[in-house]
Amino acid sequence: MTPDNNTEEFYKKLKVQLSDTSLWPAPYLYKFIVPTDISKIKEIETIFDHTGAVINRKESRTGKYTSVSVNVRMKNPDAVIAKYKEVGMVEGVISL
């Protein structure tokens, strides 16, 4: 997956916002929506292995999608963005 200009602009703006609004290291809450497929959910969880993350899952009413929330202490805005990019490589994931 190659990042397009809109994606790179989004990450630049996010970095500025994160730098301006938090003192780092700081807790950060990631939220993802993924088709309910245990292998995709496990892929996301593996990305946050050994980070001390607290991960919660909630299936949609129909069971078609699963919300994955990851609460983790991150070192800086660059580390936050790096994780978004890693998770973005998982097929079908929507980052909120």
PDB file of N, CA and C in Angstrom:
ATOM      1  N   MET A   1       0.845  -1.179   0.000  1.00  0.00           N
ATOM      2  CA  MET A   1       0.000   0.000   0.000  1.00  0.00           C
ATOM      3  C   MET A   1       0.889   1.240   0.000  1.00  0.00           C
ATOM      4  N   THR A   2       0.728   2.089  -0.979  1.00  0.00           N
ATOM      5  CA  THR A   2       1.513   3.320  -1.032  1.00  0.00           C
ATOM      6  C   THR A   2       0.677   4.478  -0.520  1.00  0.00           C
ATOM      7  N   PRO A   3       1.253   5.263   0.385  1.00  0.00           N
ATOM      8  CA  PRO A   3       0.485   6.392   0.903  1.00  0.00           C
ATOM      9  C   PRO A   3       0.281   7.444  -0.180  1.00  0.00           C
ATOM     10  N   ASP A   4      -0.942   7.961  -0.279  1.00  0.00           N
ATOM     11  CA  ASP A   4      -1.174   9.034  -1.235  1.00  0.00           C
ATOM     12  C   ASP A   4      -0.955  10.370  -0.533  1.00  0.00           C
ATOM     13  N   ASN A   5      -1.035  11.464  -1.287  1.00  0.00           N
ATOM     14  CA  ASN A   5      -0.767  12.788  -0.725  1.00  0.00           C
ATOM     15  C   ASN A   5      -1.752  13.148   0.375  1.00  0.00           C
ATOM     16  N   ASN A   6      -3.033  12.772   0.222  1.00  0.00           N
ATOM     17  CA  ASN A   6      -4.028  13.071   1.261  1.00  0.00           C
ATOM     18  C   ASN A   6      -3.667  12.386   2.569  1.00  0.00           C
ATOM     19  N   THR A   7      -3.213  11.145   2.492  1.00  0.00           N
ATOM     20  CA  THR A   7      -2.833  10.407   3.685  1.00  0.00           C
ATOM     21  C   THR A   7      -1.644  11.067   4.364  1.00  0.00           C
ATOM     22  N   GLU A   8      -0.638  11.439   3.587  1.00  0.00           N
ATOM     23  CA  GLU A   8       0.541  12.080   4.164  1.00  0.00           C
ATOM     24  C   GLU A   8       0.185  13.433   4.784  1.00  0.00           C
ATOM     25  N   GLU A   9      -0.702  14.179   4.138  1.00  0.00           N
ATOM     26  CA  GLU A   9      -1.158  15.460   4.700  1.00  0.00           C
ATOM     27  C   GLU A   9      -1.889  15.230   6.017  1.00  0.00           C
ATOM     28  N   PHE A  10      -2.731  14.197   6.043  1.00  0.00           N
ATOM     29  CA  PHE A  10      -3.458  13.862   7.264  1.00  0.00           C
ATOM     30  C   PHE A  10      -2.477  13.591   8.397  1.00  0.00           C
ATOM     31  N   TYR A  11      -1.445  12.794   8.140  1.00  0.00           N
ATOM     32  CA  TYR A  11      -0.473  12.463   9.181  1.00  0.00           C
ATOM     33  C   TYR A  11       0.332  13.686   9.623  1.00  0.00           C
ATOM     34  N   LYS A  12       0.621  14.581   8.708  1.00  0.00           N
ATOM     35  CA  LYS A  12       1.337  15.815   9.085  1.00  0.00           C
ATOM     36  C   LYS A  12       0.479  16.654  10.031  1.00  0.00           C
ATOM     37  N   LYS A  13      -0.815  16.797   9.696  1.00  0.00           N
ATOM     38  CA  LYS A  13      -1.726  17.560  10.549  1.00  0.00           C
ATOM     39  C   LYS A  13      -1.905  16.886  11.905  1.00  0.00           C
ATOM     40  N   LEU A  14      -2.029  15.561  11.894  1.00  0.00           N
ATOM     41  CA  LEU A  14      -2.189  14.815  13.133  1.00  0.00           C
ATOM     42  C   LEU A  14      -0.970  15.009  14.033  1.00  0.00           C
ATOM     43  N   LYS A  15       0.212  14.965  13.450  1.00  0.00           N
ATOM     44  CA  LYS A  15       1.433  15.150  14.240  1.00  0.00           C
ATOM     45  C   LYS A  15       1.439  16.519  14.927  1.00  0.00           C
ATOM     46  N   VAL A  16       1.044  17.558  14.196  1.00  0.00           N
ATOM     47  CA  VAL A  16       0.998  18.903  14.769  1.00  0.00           C
ATOM     48  C   VAL A  16      -0.026  18.948  15.905  1.00  0.00           C
ATOM     49  N   GLN A  17      -1.212  18.383  15.671  1.00  0.00           N
ATOM     50  CA  GLN A  17      -2.256  18.380  16.698  1.00  0.00           C
ATOM     51  C   GLN A  17      -1.802  17.636  17.951  1.00  0.00           C
ATOM     52  N   LEU A  18      -1.197  16.475  17.758  1.00  0.00           N
ATOM     53  CA  LEU A  18      -0.742  15.688  18.899  1.00  0.00           C
ATOM     54  C   LEU A  18       0.361  16.415  19.668  1.00  0.00           C
ATOM     55  N   SER A  19       1.247  17.068  18.954  1.00  0.00           N
ATOM     56  CA  SER A  19       2.336  17.813  19.591  1.00  0.00           C
ATOM     57  C   SER A  19       1.791  18.982  20.409  1.00  0.00           C
ATOM     58  N   ASP A  20       0.758  19.622  19.876  1.00  0.00           N
ATOM     59  CA  ASP A  20       0.194  20.808  20.527  1.00  0.00           C
ATOM     60  C   ASP A  20      -0.718  20.489  21.709  1.00  0.00           C
ATOM     61  N   THR A  21      -1.296  19.291  21.741  1.00  0.00           N
ATOM     62  CA  THR A  21      -2.324  19.011  22.743  1.00  0.00           C
ATOM     63  C   THR A  21      -1.892  18.068  23.861  1.00  0.00           C
ATOM     64  N   SER A  22      -0.732  17.468  23.752  1.00  0.00           N
ATOM     65  CA  SER A  22      -0.321  16.502  24.777  1.00  0.00           C
ATOM     66  C   SER A  22       1.137  16.671  25.157  1.00  0.00           C
ATOM     67  N   LEU A  23       1.444  16.292  26.390  1.00  0.00           N
ATOM     68  CA  LEU A  23       2.828  16.195  26.833  1.00  0.00           C
ATOM     69  C   LEU A  23       3.218  14.728  26.704  1.00  0.00           C
ATOM     70  N   TRP A  24       4.302  14.457  26.018  1.00  0.00           N
ATOM     71  CA  TRP A  24       4.697  13.079  25.720  1.00  0.00           C
ATOM     72  C   TRP A  24       5.790  12.621  26.647  1.00  0.00           C
ATOM     73  N   PRO A  25       5.800  11.334  27.012  1.00  0.00           N
ATOM     74  CA  PRO A  25       4.875  10.268  26.635  1.00  0.00           C
ATOM     75  C   PRO A  25       3.480  10.490  27.239  1.00  0.00           C
ATOM     76  N   ALA A  26       2.471   9.935  26.535  1.00  0.00           N
ATOM     77  CA  ALA A  26       1.087  10.141  26.947  1.00  0.00           C
ATOM     78  C   ALA A  26       0.233   8.941  26.530  1.00  0.00           C
ATOM     79  N   PRO A  27      -0.895   8.731  27.232  1.00  0.00           N
ATOM     80  CA  PRO A  27      -1.810   7.670  26.800  1.00  0.00           C
ATOM     81  C   PRO A  27      -2.496   8.088  25.504  1.00  0.00           C
ATOM     82  N   TYR A  28      -2.771   7.100  24.652  1.00  0.00           N
ATOM     83  CA  TYR A  28      -3.449   7.382  23.384  1.00  0.00           C
ATOM     84  C   TYR A  28      -4.460   6.275  23.142  1.00  0.00           C
ATOM     85  N   LEU A  29      -5.631   6.657  22.657  1.00  0.00           N
ATOM     86  CA  LEU A  29      -6.688   5.691  22.368  1.00  0.00           C
ATOM     87  C   LEU A  29      -6.867   5.569  20.856  1.00  0.00           C
ATOM     88  N   TYR A  30      -6.552   4.392  20.340  1.00  0.00           N
ATOM     89  CA  TYR A  30      -6.788   4.070  18.928  1.00  0.00           C
ATOM     90  C   TYR A  30      -8.155   3.403  18.825  1.00  0.00           C
ATOM     91  N   LYS A  31      -8.865   3.682  17.733  1.00  0.00           N
ATOM     92  CA  LYS A  31     -10.128   2.986  17.477  1.00  0.00           C
ATOM     93  C   LYS A  31     -10.122   2.531  16.021  1.00  0.00           C
ATOM     94  N   PHE A  32     -10.422   1.260  15.841  1.00  0.00           N
ATOM     95  CA  PHE A  32     -10.452   0.677  14.511  1.00  0.00           C
ATOM     96  C   PHE A  32     -11.745  -0.098  14.325  1.00  0.00           C
ATOM     97  N   ILE A  33     -12.221  -0.132  13.091  1.00  0.00           N
ATOM     98  CA  ILE A  33     -13.349  -0.980  12.705  1.00  0.00           C
ATOM     99  C   ILE A  33     -12.782  -1.973  11.699  1.00  0.00           C
ATOM    100  N   VAL A  34     -13.076  -3.243  11.919  1.00  0.00           N
ATOM    101  CA  VAL A  34     -12.552  -4.293  11.046  1.00  0.00           C
ATOM    102  C   VAL A  34     -13.659  -5.310  10.793  1.00  0.00           C
ATOM    103  N   PRO A  35     -13.705  -5.879   9.570  1.00  0.00           N
ATOM    104  CA  PRO A  35     -14.666  -6.963   9.360  1.00  0.00           C
ATOM    105  C   PRO A  35     -14.402  -8.054  10.399  1.00  0.00           C
ATOM    106  N   THR A  36     -15.462  -8.644  10.929  1.00  0.00           N
ATOM    107  CA  THR A  36     -15.295  -9.660  11.970  1.00  0.00           C
ATOM    108  C   THR A  36     -14.626 -10.885  11.359  1.00  0.00           C
ATOM    109  N   ASP A  37     -13.321 -10.919  11.526  1.00  0.00           N
ATOM    110  CA  ASP A  37     -12.474 -12.002  11.032  1.00  0.00           C
ATOM    111  C   ASP A  37     -11.355 -12.115  12.064  1.00  0.00           C
ATOM    112  N   ILE A  38     -11.338 -13.204  12.803  1.00  0.00           N
ATOM    113  CA  ILE A  38     -10.413 -13.334  13.928  1.00  0.00           C
ATOM    114  C   ILE A  38      -8.959 -13.141  13.500  1.00  0.00           C
ATOM    115  N   SER A  39      -8.604 -13.527  12.280  1.00  0.00           N
ATOM    116  CA  SER A  39      -7.209 -13.369  11.846  1.00  0.00           C
ATOM    117  C   SER A  39      -6.848 -11.885  11.691  1.00  0.00           C
ATOM    118  N   LYS A  40      -7.788 -11.077  11.206  1.00  0.00           N
ATOM    119  CA  LYS A  40      -7.533  -9.637  11.067  1.00  0.00           C
ATOM    120  C   LYS A  40      -7.455  -8.964  12.436  1.00  0.00           C
ATOM    121  N   ILE A  41      -8.328  -9.380  13.339  1.00  0.00           N
ATOM    122  CA  ILE A  41      -8.316  -8.833  14.688  1.00  0.00           C
ATOM    123  C   ILE A  41      -7.005  -9.198  15.389  1.00  0.00           C
ATOM    124  N   LYS A  42      -6.566 -10.431  15.227  1.00  0.00           N
ATOM    125  CA  LYS A  42      -5.302 -10.877  15.825  1.00  0.00           C
ATOM    126  C   LYS A  42      -4.121 -10.103  15.240  1.00  0.00           C
ATOM    127  N   GLU A  43      -4.183  -9.789  13.944  1.00  0.00           N
ATOM    128  CA  GLU A  43      -3.117  -8.996  13.316  1.00  0.00           C
ATOM    129  C   GLU A  43      -2.973  -7.650  14.016  1.00  0.00           C
ATOM    130  N   ILE A  44      -4.109  -7.004  14.276  1.00  0.00           N
ATOM    131  CA  ILE A  44      -4.087  -5.712  14.963  1.00  0.00           C
ATOM    132  C   ILE A  44      -3.524  -5.886  16.373  1.00  0.00           C
ATOM    133  N   GLU A  45      -3.994  -6.900  17.077  1.00  0.00           N
ATOM    134  CA  GLU A  45      -3.517  -7.125  18.436  1.00  0.00           C
ATOM    135  C   GLU A  45      -2.020  -7.405  18.466  1.00  0.00           C
ATOM    136  N   THR A  46      -1.522  -8.122  17.491  1.00  0.00           N
ATOM    137  CA  THR A  46      -0.094  -8.437  17.414  1.00  0.00           C
ATOM    138  C   THR A  46       0.743  -7.171  17.237  1.00  0.00           C
ATOM    139  N   ILE A  47       0.231  -6.204  16.488  1.00  0.00           N
ATOM    140  CA  ILE A  47       0.950  -4.942  16.278  1.00  0.00           C
ATOM    141  C   ILE A  47       1.197  -4.239  17.609  1.00  0.00           C
ATOM    142  N   PHE A  48       0.296  -4.436  18.571  1.00  0.00           N
ATOM    143  CA  PHE A  48       0.424  -3.773  19.868  1.00  0.00           C
ATOM    144  C   PHE A  48       0.981  -4.696  20.960  1.00  0.00           C
ATOM    145  N   ASP A  49       1.478  -5.884  20.572  1.00  0.00           N
ATOM    146  CA  ASP A  49       2.108  -6.783  21.540  1.00  0.00           C
ATOM    147  C   ASP A  49       3.268  -6.088  22.231  1.00  0.00           C
ATOM    148  N   HIS A  50       3.458  -6.390  23.479  1.00  0.00           N
ATOM    149  CA  HIS A  50       4.602  -5.904  24.266  1.00  0.00           C
ATOM    150  C   HIS A  50       4.643  -4.388  24.409  1.00  0.00           C
ATOM    151  N   THR A  51       3.489  -3.737  24.322  1.00  0.00           N
ATOM    152  CA  THR A  51       3.438  -2.280  24.498  1.00  0.00           C
ATOM    153  C   THR A  51       2.677  -1.905  25.762  1.00  0.00           C
ATOM    154  N   GLY A  52       2.108  -2.899  26.440  1.00  0.00           N
ATOM    155  CA  GLY A  52       1.299  -2.627  27.616  1.00  0.00           C
ATOM    156  C   GLY A  52      -0.100  -2.144  27.263  1.00  0.00           C
ATOM    157  N   ALA A  53      -0.511  -2.361  26.024  1.00  0.00           N
ATOM    158  CA  ALA A  53      -1.811  -1.887  25.550  1.00  0.00           C
ATOM    159  C   ALA A  53      -2.959  -2.664  26.187  1.00  0.00           C
ATOM    160  N   VAL A  54      -4.043  -1.934  26.443  1.00  0.00           N
ATOM    161  CA  VAL A  54      -5.298  -2.547  26.873  1.00  0.00           C
ATOM    162  C   VAL A  54      -6.200  -2.547  25.644  1.00  0.00           C
ATOM    163  N   ILE A  55      -6.585  -3.737  25.202  1.00  0.00           N
ATOM    164  CA  ILE A  55      -7.346  -3.879  23.956  1.00  0.00           C
ATOM    165  C   ILE A  55      -8.740  -4.396  24.272  1.00  0.00           C
ATOM    166  N   ASN A  56      -9.747  -3.698  23.741  1.00  0.00           N
ATOM    167  CA  ASN A  56     -11.146  -4.110  23.891  1.00  0.00           C
ATOM    168  C   ASN A  56     -11.747  -4.310  22.515  1.00  0.00           C
ATOM    169  N   ARG A  57     -12.587  -5.328  22.413  1.00  0.00           N
ATOM    170  CA  ARG A  57     -13.299  -5.604  21.156  1.00  0.00           C
ATOM    171  C   ARG A  57     -14.798  -5.561  21.414  1.00  0.00           C
ATOM    172  N   LYS A  58     -15.528  -5.114  20.399  1.00  0.00           N
ATOM    173  CA  LYS A  58     -16.984  -5.140  20.499  1.00  0.00           C
ATOM    174  C   LYS A  58     -17.543  -5.410  19.104  1.00  0.00           C
ATOM    175  N   GLU A  59     -18.298  -6.491  19.005  1.00  0.00           N
ATOM    176  CA  GLU A  59     -18.917  -6.839  17.724  1.00  0.00           C
ATOM    177  C   GLU A  59     -20.121  -5.958  17.465  1.00  0.00           C
ATOM    178  N   SER A  60     -20.359  -5.672  16.172  1.00  0.00           N
ATOM    179  CA  SER A  60     -21.551  -4.910  15.807  1.00  0.00           C
ATOM    180  C   SER A  60     -22.784  -5.762  16.067  1.00  0.00           C
ATOM    181  N   ARG A  61     -23.919  -5.109  16.067  1.00  0.00           N
ATOM    182  CA  ARG A  61     -25.179  -5.812  16.340  1.00  0.00           C
ATOM    183  C   ARG A  61     -25.375  -6.991  15.390  1.00  0.00           C
ATOM    184  N   THR A  62     -25.007  -6.811  14.134  1.00  0.00           N
ATOM    185  CA  THR A  62     -25.188  -7.877  13.139  1.00  0.00           C
ATOM    186  C   THR A  62     -24.033  -8.869  13.133  1.00  0.00           C
ATOM    187  N   GLY A  63     -22.931  -8.524  13.805  1.00  0.00           N
ATOM    188  CA  GLY A  63     -21.779  -9.411  13.844  1.00  0.00           C
ATOM    189  C   GLY A  63     -20.875  -9.304  12.633  1.00  0.00           C
ATOM    190  N   LYS A  64     -21.198  -8.389  11.725  1.00  0.00           N
ATOM    191  CA  LYS A  64     -20.419  -8.255  10.495  1.00  0.00           C
ATOM    192  C   LYS A  64     -19.080  -7.527  10.737  1.00  0.00           C
ATOM    193  N   TYR A  65     -19.079  -6.599  11.695  1.00  0.00           N
ATOM    194  CA  TYR A  65     -17.876  -5.815  11.991  1.00  0.00           C
ATOM    195  C   TYR A  65     -17.551  -5.894  13.469  1.00  0.00           C
ATOM    196  N   THR A  66     -16.283  -5.632  13.768  1.00  0.00           N
ATOM    197  CA  THR A  66     -15.834  -5.573  15.156  1.00  0.00           C
ATOM    198  C   THR A  66     -15.083  -4.272  15.363  1.00  0.00           C
ATOM    199  N   SER A  67     -15.390  -3.602  16.466  1.00  0.00           N
ATOM    200  CA  SER A  67     -14.678  -2.404  16.875  1.00  0.00           C
ATOM    201  C   SER A  67     -13.529  -2.853  17.781  1.00  0.00           C
ATOM    202  N   VAL A  68     -12.336  -2.370  17.486  1.00  0.00           N
ATOM    203  CA  VAL A  68     -11.166  -2.694  18.305  1.00  0.00           C
ATOM    204  C   VAL A  68     -10.626  -1.378  18.859  1.00  0.00           C
ATOM    205  N   SER A  69     -10.646  -1.250  20.191  1.00  0.00           N
ATOM    206  CA  SER A  69     -10.110  -0.064  20.862  1.00  0.00           C
ATOM    207  C   SER A  69      -8.814  -0.454  21.545  1.00  0.00           C
ATOM    208  N   VAL A  70      -7.801   0.369  21.341  1.00  0.00           N
ATOM    209  CA  VAL A  70      -6.480   0.087  21.911  1.00  0.00           C
ATOM    210  C   VAL A  70      -6.044   1.301  22.723  1.00  0.00           C
ATOM    211  N   ASN A  71      -5.916   1.120  24.025  1.00  0.00           N
ATOM    212  CA  ASN A  71      -5.469   2.200  24.893  1.00  0.00           C
ATOM    213  C   ASN A  71      -4.032   1.880  25.297  1.00  0.00           C
ATOM    214  N   VAL A  72      -3.106   2.763  24.916  1.00  0.00           N
ATOM    215  CA  VAL A  72      -1.689   2.478  25.130  1.00  0.00           C
ATOM    216  C   VAL A  72      -0.913   3.773  25.370  1.00  0.00           C
ATOM    217  N   ARG A  73       0.119   3.687  26.168  1.00  0.00           N
ATOM    218  CA  ARG A  73       0.988   4.845  26.414  1.00  0.00           C
ATOM    219  C   ARG A  73       2.007   4.900  25.283  1.00  0.00           C
ATOM    220  N   MET A  74       2.028   6.040  24.582  1.00  0.00           N
ATOM    221  CA  MET A  74       2.931   6.194  23.441  1.00  0.00           C
ATOM    222  C   MET A  74       4.024   7.209  23.765  1.00  0.00           C
ATOM    223  N   LYS A  75       5.190   7.015  23.145  1.00  0.00           N
ATOM    224  CA  LYS A  75       6.365   7.833  23.432  1.00  0.00           C
ATOM    225  C   LYS A  75       6.251   9.244  22.871  1.00  0.00           C
ATOM    226  N   ASN A  76       5.722   9.359  21.634  1.00  0.00           N
ATOM    227  CA  ASN A  76       5.629  10.661  20.966  1.00  0.00           C
ATOM    228  C   ASN A  76       4.675  10.566  19.773  1.00  0.00           C
ATOM    229  N   PRO A  77       4.350  11.700  19.138  1.00  0.00           N
ATOM    230  CA  PRO A  77       3.437  11.676  17.984  1.00  0.00           C
ATOM    231  C   PRO A  77       3.926  10.783  16.840  1.00  0.00           C
ATOM    232  N   ASP A  78       5.231  10.717  16.626  1.00  0.00           N
ATOM    233  CA  ASP A  78       5.752   9.851  15.557  1.00  0.00           C
ATOM    234  C   ASP A  78       5.430   8.381  15.824  1.00  0.00           C
ATOM    235  N   ALA A  79       5.500   7.972  17.091  1.00  0.00           N
ATOM    236  CA  ALA A  79       5.178   6.591  17.458  1.00  0.00           C
ATOM    237  C   ALA A  79       3.691   6.310  17.234  1.00  0.00           C
ATOM    238  N   VAL A  80       2.833   7.285  17.527  1.00  0.00           N
ATOM    239  CA  VAL A  80       1.393   7.139  17.291  1.00  0.00           C
ATOM    240  C   VAL A  80       1.129   6.912  15.803  1.00  0.00           C
ATOM    241  N   ILE A  81       1.744   7.737  14.980  1.00  0.00           N
ATOM    242  CA  ILE A  81       1.540   7.659  13.528  1.00  0.00           C
ATOM    243  C   ILE A  81       2.106   6.356  12.976  1.00  0.00           C
ATOM    244  N   ALA A  82       3.243   5.912  13.490  1.00  0.00           N
ATOM    245  CA  ALA A  82       3.840   4.653  13.025  1.00  0.00           C
ATOM    246  C   ALA A  82       2.881   3.487  13.237  1.00  0.00           C
ATOM    247  N   LYS A  83       2.195   3.474  14.385  1.00  0.00           N
ATOM    248  CA  LYS A  83       1.232   2.392  14.655  1.00  0.00           C
ATOM    249  C   LYS A  83       0.033   2.489  13.715  1.00  0.00           C
ATOM    250  N   TYR A  84      -0.445   3.719  13.451  1.00  0.00           N
ATOM    251  CA  TYR A  84      -1.544   3.866  12.487  1.00  0.00           C
ATOM    252  C   TYR A  84      -1.144   3.293  11.133  1.00  0.00           C
ATOM    253  N   LYS A  85       0.073   3.556  10.707  1.00  0.00           N
ATOM    254  CA  LYS A  85       0.543   3.067   9.407  1.00  0.00           C
ATOM    255  C   LYS A  85       0.657   1.550   9.406  1.00  0.00           C
ATOM    256  N   GLU A  86       1.129   0.968  10.514  1.00  0.00           N
ATOM    257  CA  GLU A  86       1.217  -0.493  10.611  1.00  0.00           C
ATOM    258  C   GLU A  86      -0.155  -1.124  10.510  1.00  0.00           C
ATOM    259  N   VAL A  87      -1.102  -0.605  11.287  1.00  0.00           N
ATOM    260  CA  VAL A  87      -2.458  -1.159  11.277  1.00  0.00           C
ATOM    261  C   VAL A  87      -3.109  -0.933   9.912  1.00  0.00           C
ATOM    262  N   GLY A  88      -2.763   0.175   9.251  1.00  0.00           N
ATOM    263  CA  GLY A  88      -3.314   0.467   7.928  1.00  0.00           C
ATOM    264  C   GLY A  88      -2.971  -0.581   6.877  1.00  0.00           C
ATOM    265  N   MET A  89      -1.963  -1.386   7.154  1.00  0.00           N
ATOM    266  CA  MET A  89      -1.568  -2.438   6.223  1.00  0.00           C
ATOM    267  C   MET A  89      -2.493  -3.675   6.331  1.00  0.00           C
ATOM    268  N   VAL A  90      -3.276  -3.752   7.394  1.00  0.00           N
ATOM    269  CA  VAL A  90      -4.219  -4.857   7.574  1.00  0.00           C
ATOM    270  C   VAL A  90      -5.412  -4.590   6.670  1.00  0.00           C
ATOM    271  N   GLU A  91      -5.708  -5.536   5.816  1.00  0.00           N
ATOM    272  CA  GLU A  91      -6.778  -5.367   4.829  1.00  0.00           C
ATOM    273  C   GLU A  91      -8.138  -5.166   5.491  1.00  0.00           C
ATOM    274  N   GLY A  92      -8.859  -4.137   5.033  1.00  0.00           N
ATOM    275  CA  GLY A  92     -10.224  -3.906   5.475  1.00  0.00           C
ATOM    276  C   GLY A  92     -10.383  -3.079   6.728  1.00  0.00           C
ATOM    277  N   VAL A  93      -9.283  -2.628   7.330  1.00  0.00           N
ATOM    278  CA  VAL A  93      -9.360  -1.871   8.576  1.00  0.00           C
ATOM    279  C   VAL A  93      -9.682  -0.417   8.295  1.00  0.00           C
ATOM    280  N   ILE A  94     -10.583   0.136   9.107  1.00  0.00           N
ATOM    281  CA  ILE A  94     -10.901   1.565   9.050  1.00  0.00           C
ATOM    282  C   ILE A  94     -10.427   2.154  10.366  1.00  0.00           C
ATOM    283  N   SER A  95      -9.578   3.175  10.279  1.00  0.00           N
ATOM    284  CA  SER A  95      -9.094   3.871  11.483  1.00  0.00           C
ATOM    285  C   SER A  95     -10.020   5.036  11.773  1.00  0.00           C
ATOM    286  N   LEU A  96     -10.411   5.173  13.025  1.00  0.00           N
ATOM    287  CA  LEU A  96     -11.273   6.283  13.420  1.00  0.00           C
ATOM    288  C   LEU A  96     -10.480   7.316  14.182  1.00  0.00           C
TER     289      LEU A  96
END
